[in-house]
Amino acid sequence: MTETTLRRMFDFDECIDVTFERLARLVDTVDVKYTRFSNMSENAIRDSDFFNGRQLIDCELLALLFNEKKTCNNM
């Protein structure tokens, strides 16, 4: 690696830090929105006339889709 290449790499250090911080904030935003969407979807399924909390298959599908660990038949 030449000295010029090394100096250019250090010149980009601040740019890389700024880009990384923006990416980290974006990932946090996506995580929050995904969690909200997932909760809305779960609630919509639970409130649906097609969902029966006393049916094992309904509970298993809900657990599979949303990693739901709560007991289902107590709804």
C-alpha atoms as a PDB file:
ATOM      1  CA  MET A   1       0.000   0.000   0.000  1.00  0.00           C
ATOM      2  CA  THR A   2       1.393   3.371  -0.945  1.00  0.00           C
ATOM      3  CA  GLU A   3       1.554   6.369   1.331  1.00  0.00           C
ATOM      4  CA  THR A   4      -0.924   8.242  -0.890  1.00  0.00           C
ATOM      5  CA  THR A   5      -3.464   5.442  -0.609  1.00  0.00           C
ATOM      6  CA  LEU A   6      -3.080   5.354   3.153  1.00  0.00           C
ATOM      7  CA  ARG A   7      -3.544   9.130   3.439  1.00  0.00           C
ATOM      8  CA  ARG A   8      -6.704   8.972   1.304  1.00  0.00           C
ATOM      9  CA  MET A   9      -8.093   6.234   3.505  1.00  0.00           C
ATOM     10  CA  PHE A  10      -7.629   8.442   6.566  1.00  0.00           C
ATOM     11  CA  ASP A  11      -9.292  11.342   4.728  1.00  0.00           C
ATOM     12  CA  PHE A  12     -12.436   9.217   4.431  1.00  0.00           C
ATOM     13  CA  ASP A  13     -12.470   8.333   8.135  1.00  0.00           C
ATOM     14  CA  GLU A  14     -14.919  11.110   9.110  1.00  0.00           C
ATOM     15  CA  CYS A  15     -17.148  10.308   6.153  1.00  0.00           C
ATOM     16  CA  ILE A  16     -17.237   6.659   7.184  1.00  0.00           C
ATOM     17  CA  ASP A  17     -18.131   7.617  10.770  1.00  0.00           C
ATOM     18  CA  VAL A  18     -20.997   9.854   9.618  1.00  0.00           C
ATOM     19  CA  THR A  19     -22.298   7.191   7.243  1.00  0.00           C
ATOM     20  CA  PHE A  20     -22.104   4.549   9.969  1.00  0.00           C
ATOM     21  CA  GLU A  21     -24.042   6.750  12.419  1.00  0.00           C
ATOM     22  CA  ARG A  22     -26.744   7.390   9.811  1.00  0.00           C
ATOM     23  CA  LEU A  23     -26.980   3.679   9.094  1.00  0.00           C
ATOM     24  CA  ALA A  24     -27.238   2.874  12.804  1.00  0.00           C
ATOM     25  CA  ARG A  25     -30.097   5.379  13.225  1.00  0.00           C
ATOM     26  CA  LEU A  26     -31.828   3.968  10.156  1.00  0.00           C
ATOM     27  CA  VAL A  27     -31.546   0.419  11.496  1.00  0.00           C
ATOM     28  CA  ASP A  28     -33.041   1.574  14.810  1.00  0.00           C
ATOM     29  CA  THR A  29     -35.929   3.237  12.965  1.00  0.00           C
ATOM     30  CA  VAL A  30     -36.585   0.121  10.902  1.00  0.00           C
ATOM     31  CA  ASP A  31     -36.514  -2.006  14.063  1.00  0.00           C
ATOM     32  CA  VAL A  32     -39.090   0.210  15.794  1.00  0.00           C
ATOM     33  CA  LYS A  33     -41.357   0.286  12.744  1.00  0.00           C
ATOM     34  CA  TYR A  34     -41.092  -3.478  12.242  1.00  0.00           C
ATOM     35  CA  THR A  35     -42.022  -4.067  15.887  1.00  0.00           C
ATOM     36  CA  ARG A  36     -45.043  -1.769  15.579  1.00  0.00           C
ATOM     37  CA  PHE A  37     -46.125  -3.429  12.327  1.00  0.00           C
ATOM     38  CA  SER A  38     -45.703  -6.871  13.840  1.00  0.00           C
ATOM     39  CA  ASN A  39     -47.803  -5.904  16.869  1.00  0.00           C
ATOM     40  CA  MET A  40     -50.512  -4.416  14.644  1.00  0.00           C
ATOM     41  CA  SER A  41     -50.570  -7.568  12.535  1.00  0.00           C
ATOM     42  CA  GLU A  42     -50.777  -9.796  15.588  1.00  0.00           C
ATOM     43  CA  ASN A  43     -53.618  -7.741  17.050  1.00  0.00           C
ATOM     44  CA  ALA A  44     -55.473  -7.733  13.728  1.00  0.00           C
ATOM     45  CA  ILE A  45     -55.226 -11.520  13.532  1.00  0.00           C
ATOM     46  CA  ARG A  46     -56.361 -11.947  17.143  1.00  0.00           C
ATOM     47  CA  ASP A  47     -59.327  -9.595  16.583  1.00  0.00           C
ATOM     48  CA  SER A  48     -60.328 -11.336  13.366  1.00  0.00           C
ATOM     49  CA  ASP A  49     -63.484 -13.455  13.233  1.00  0.00           C
ATOM     50  CA  PHE A  50     -61.369 -16.192  11.640  1.00  0.00           C
ATOM     51  CA  PHE A  51     -59.067 -16.535  14.651  1.00  0.00           C
ATOM     52  CA  ASN A  52     -60.168 -18.903  17.410  1.00  0.00           C
ATOM     53  CA  GLY A  53     -57.990 -18.784  20.518  1.00  0.00           C
ATOM     54  CA  ARG A  54     -59.328 -22.160  21.622  1.00  0.00           C
ATOM     55  CA  GLN A  55     -58.107 -23.937  18.479  1.00  0.00           C
ATOM     56  CA  LEU A  56     -54.607 -25.378  18.723  1.00  0.00           C
ATOM     57  CA  ILE A  57     -53.786 -24.774  15.049  1.00  0.00           C
ATOM     58  CA  ASP A  58     -54.685 -21.084  15.330  1.00  0.00           C
ATOM     59  CA  CYS A  59     -52.473 -20.714  18.391  1.00  0.00           C
ATOM     60  CA  GLU A  60     -49.613 -22.604  16.782  1.00  0.00           C
ATOM     61  CA  LEU A  61     -49.778 -20.460  13.636  1.00  0.00           C
ATOM     62  CA  LEU A  62     -49.799 -17.296  15.727  1.00  0.00           C
ATOM     63  CA  ALA A  63     -46.789 -18.559  17.685  1.00  0.00           C
ATOM     64  CA  LEU A  64     -44.982 -19.461  14.475  1.00  0.00           C
ATOM     65  CA  LEU A  65     -45.582 -16.088  12.844  1.00  0.00           C
ATOM     66  CA  PHE A  66     -44.941 -13.828  15.821  1.00  0.00           C
ATOM     67  CA  ASN A  67     -42.884 -15.953  18.230  1.00  0.00           C
ATOM     68  CA  GLU A  68     -45.848 -15.656  20.557  1.00  0.00           C
ATOM     69  CA  LYS A  69     -45.210 -17.578  23.773  1.00  0.00           C
ATOM     70  CA  LYS A  70     -48.382 -16.644  25.693  1.00  0.00           C
ATOM     71  CA  THR A  71     -51.038 -19.212  26.331  1.00  0.00           C
ATOM     72  CA  CYS A  72     -53.599 -18.829  23.655  1.00  0.00           C
ATOM     73  CA  ASN A  73     -56.704 -20.523  25.021  1.00  0.00           C
ATOM     74  CA  ASN A  74     -57.077 -18.054  27.900  1.00  0.00           C
ATOM     75  CA  MET A  75     -58.249 -15.306  25.593  1.00  0.00           C
END
